[in-house]
């Protein structure tokens, strides 16, 4: 019984957690891969504040 209550509380808390998603849009310049805009959105029920982000390029291969 106690396990079911604890499990329910954890699942209920997860339902209200912020859910951040990333969507890419069409590139502004087809010849420049770094011109692709993207949208960050919060799909969760509760709002989020003081968001910080970083964008890191790990590997770039020239096309051609």
N, C-alpha and C. Protein backbone atom coordinates (compact mmCIF):
# COMPACT_ATOMS: atom_id res chain seq x y z
N UNK A 1 0.83 -1.19 0.00
CA UNK A 1 0.00 0.00 0.00
C UNK A 1 0.87 1.25 0.00
N UNK A 2 1.89 1.28 0.86
CA UNK A 2 2.78 2.44 0.93
C UNK A 2 3.52 2.64 -0.38
N UNK A 3 3.89 1.52 -1.02
CA UNK A 3 4.57 1.62 -2.30
C UNK A 3 3.68 2.30 -3.34
N UNK A 4 2.41 1.96 -3.36
CA UNK A 4 1.49 2.55 -4.32
C UNK A 4 1.34 4.04 -4.09
N UNK A 5 1.31 4.48 -2.84
CA UNK A 5 1.20 5.91 -2.52
C UNK A 5 2.44 6.65 -2.97
N UNK A 6 3.61 6.11 -2.67
CA UNK A 6 4.88 6.74 -3.07
C UNK A 6 4.98 6.79 -4.59
N UNK A 7 4.61 5.71 -5.25
CA UNK A 7 4.65 5.67 -6.71
C UNK A 7 3.70 6.71 -7.30
N UNK A 8 2.52 6.85 -6.73
CA UNK A 8 1.55 7.83 -7.20
C UNK A 8 2.03 9.26 -7.04
N UNK A 9 2.70 9.54 -5.92
CA UNK A 9 3.23 10.88 -5.68
C UNK A 9 4.33 11.20 -6.68
N UNK A 10 5.19 10.24 -6.96
CA UNK A 10 6.27 10.46 -7.93
C UNK A 10 5.69 10.68 -9.32
N UNK A 11 4.72 9.88 -9.72
CA UNK A 11 4.10 10.04 -11.04
C UNK A 11 3.36 11.36 -11.15
N UNK A 12 2.70 11.77 -10.08
CA UNK A 12 1.99 13.05 -10.09
C UNK A 12 2.94 14.22 -10.22
N UNK A 13 4.08 14.14 -9.53
CA UNK A 13 5.09 15.19 -9.64
C UNK A 13 5.69 15.25 -11.03
N UNK A 14 5.88 14.11 -11.65
CA UNK A 14 6.45 14.08 -13.01
C UNK A 14 5.48 14.70 -14.02
N UNK A 15 4.20 14.62 -13.77
CA UNK A 15 3.22 15.19 -14.70
C UNK A 15 3.31 16.71 -14.73
N UNK A 16 3.75 17.33 -13.64
CA UNK A 16 3.84 18.79 -13.57
C UNK A 16 5.25 19.31 -13.87
N UNK A 17 6.19 18.44 -14.14
CA UNK A 17 7.57 18.86 -14.42
C UNK A 17 7.63 19.63 -15.74
N UNK A 18 8.52 20.61 -15.84
CA UNK A 18 8.67 21.34 -17.11
C UNK A 18 9.12 20.39 -18.22
N UNK A 19 8.53 20.54 -19.37
CA UNK A 19 8.89 19.72 -20.53
C UNK A 19 9.37 20.66 -21.63
N UNK A 20 10.67 20.77 -21.79
CA UNK A 20 11.26 21.68 -22.77
C UNK A 20 11.50 20.91 -24.06
N UNK A 21 11.08 21.50 -25.19
CA UNK A 21 11.30 20.87 -26.49
C UNK A 21 12.02 21.85 -27.41
N UNK A 22 12.70 21.29 -28.40
CA UNK A 22 13.44 22.09 -29.39
C UNK A 22 12.93 21.73 -30.77
N UNK A 23 12.61 22.74 -31.57
CA UNK A 23 12.17 22.53 -32.95
C UNK A 23 13.03 23.37 -33.87
N UNK A 24 13.50 22.75 -34.95
CA UNK A 24 14.29 23.50 -35.93
C UNK A 24 13.38 24.02 -37.03
N UNK A 25 13.76 25.16 -37.58
CA UNK A 25 13.02 25.76 -38.68
C UNK A 25 13.85 25.64 -39.95
N UNK A 26 13.34 26.15 -41.05
CA UNK A 26 14.10 26.11 -42.30
C UNK A 26 15.29 27.05 -42.23
N UNK A 27 16.38 26.63 -42.86
CA UNK A 27 17.59 27.45 -42.86
C UNK A 27 17.35 28.76 -43.60
N UNK A 28 17.87 29.84 -43.05
CA UNK A 28 17.73 31.15 -43.69
C UNK A 28 18.59 31.24 -44.94
N UNK A 29 19.74 30.58 -44.92
CA UNK A 29 20.65 30.53 -46.07
C UNK A 29 21.01 29.06 -46.28
N UNK A 30 20.55 28.44 -47.36
CA UNK A 30 20.82 27.01 -47.59
C UNK A 30 22.31 26.66 -47.66
N UNK A 31 23.16 27.64 -47.96
CA UNK A 31 24.59 27.37 -48.05
C UNK A 31 25.30 27.51 -46.70
N UNK A 32 24.60 28.04 -45.72
CA UNK A 32 25.19 28.25 -44.39
C UNK A 32 24.44 27.41 -43.36
N UNK A 33 25.02 26.29 -42.92
CA UNK A 33 24.31 25.43 -41.96
C UNK A 33 24.09 26.10 -40.60
N UNK A 34 24.83 27.16 -40.30
CA UNK A 34 24.69 27.83 -39.01
C UNK A 34 23.61 28.91 -39.03
N UNK A 35 22.88 29.03 -40.13
CA UNK A 35 21.81 30.01 -40.21
C UNK A 35 20.44 29.40 -39.91
N UNK A 36 20.42 28.19 -39.40
CA UNK A 36 19.16 27.52 -39.10
C UNK A 36 18.64 27.96 -37.74
N UNK A 37 17.50 28.64 -37.69
CA UNK A 37 16.94 29.05 -36.40
C UNK A 37 16.24 27.87 -35.73
N UNK A 38 16.14 27.94 -34.42
CA UNK A 38 15.40 26.92 -33.69
C UNK A 38 14.59 27.59 -32.59
N UNK A 39 13.54 26.90 -32.17
CA UNK A 39 12.62 27.42 -31.18
C UNK A 39 12.63 26.51 -29.95
N UNK A 40 12.87 27.10 -28.79
CA UNK A 40 12.77 26.39 -27.53
C UNK A 40 11.41 26.70 -26.93
N UNK A 41 10.67 25.68 -26.52
CA UNK A 41 9.36 25.94 -25.92
C UNK A 41 9.15 25.04 -24.72
N UNK A 42 8.34 25.52 -23.78
CA UNK A 42 7.98 24.76 -22.60
C UNK A 42 6.60 24.17 -22.83
N UNK A 43 6.52 22.85 -22.96
CA UNK A 43 5.26 22.17 -23.20
C UNK A 43 4.63 21.67 -21.91
N UNK A 44 5.23 22.00 -20.78
CA UNK A 44 4.71 21.55 -19.49
C UNK A 44 3.59 22.44 -18.98
N UNK A 45 2.99 22.02 -17.88
CA UNK A 45 1.88 22.75 -17.27
C UNK A 45 2.38 23.98 -16.52
N UNK A 46 3.49 23.85 -15.81
CA UNK A 46 4.01 24.94 -15.02
C UNK A 46 5.02 25.76 -15.82
N UNK A 47 5.17 27.02 -15.47
CA UNK A 47 6.12 27.88 -16.16
C UNK A 47 7.53 27.65 -15.61
N UNK A 48 8.51 28.01 -16.41
CA UNK A 48 9.90 27.93 -15.97
C UNK A 48 10.51 29.32 -16.05
N UNK A 49 11.48 29.58 -15.18
CA UNK A 49 12.12 30.90 -15.10
C UNK A 49 13.63 30.71 -15.02
N UNK A 50 14.36 31.76 -15.30
CA UNK A 50 15.83 31.78 -15.22
C UNK A 50 16.44 30.65 -16.06
N UNK A 51 16.02 30.57 -17.29
CA UNK A 51 16.52 29.53 -18.19
C UNK A 51 17.85 29.94 -18.77
N UNK A 52 18.80 29.04 -18.74
CA UNK A 52 20.10 29.26 -19.37
C UNK A 52 20.31 28.17 -20.41
N UNK A 53 20.98 28.52 -21.49
CA UNK A 53 21.24 27.53 -22.53
C UNK A 53 22.64 27.72 -23.08
N UNK A 54 23.12 26.67 -23.74
CA UNK A 54 24.42 26.72 -24.39
C UNK A 54 24.31 25.95 -25.71
N UNK A 55 25.03 26.41 -26.69
CA UNK A 55 25.06 25.75 -27.99
C UNK A 55 26.52 25.46 -28.32
N UNK A 56 26.84 24.19 -28.49
CA UNK A 56 28.22 23.78 -28.72
C UNK A 56 28.29 23.00 -30.03
N UNK A 57 29.27 23.30 -30.83
CA UNK A 57 29.49 22.57 -32.08
C UNK A 57 30.57 21.53 -31.80
N UNK A 58 30.20 20.26 -31.89
CA UNK A 58 31.13 19.18 -31.60
C UNK A 58 31.98 18.79 -32.81
N UNK A 59 31.35 18.77 -33.98
CA UNK A 59 32.06 18.29 -35.17
C UNK A 59 31.43 18.93 -36.41
N UNK A 60 32.24 19.43 -37.30
CA UNK A 60 31.76 20.00 -38.56
C UNK A 60 32.54 19.36 -39.69
N UNK A 61 31.79 18.87 -40.67
CA UNK A 61 32.41 18.26 -41.85
C UNK A 61 32.03 19.08 -43.07
N UNK A 62 33.00 19.56 -43.84
CA UNK A 62 32.66 20.34 -45.04
C UNK A 62 32.01 19.46 -46.09
N UNK A 63 31.04 20.02 -46.77
CA UNK A 63 30.34 19.29 -47.82
C UNK A 63 31.02 19.60 -49.16
N UNK A 64 31.24 18.58 -49.94
CA UNK A 64 31.82 18.87 -51.24
C UNK A 64 32.74 17.88 -51.70
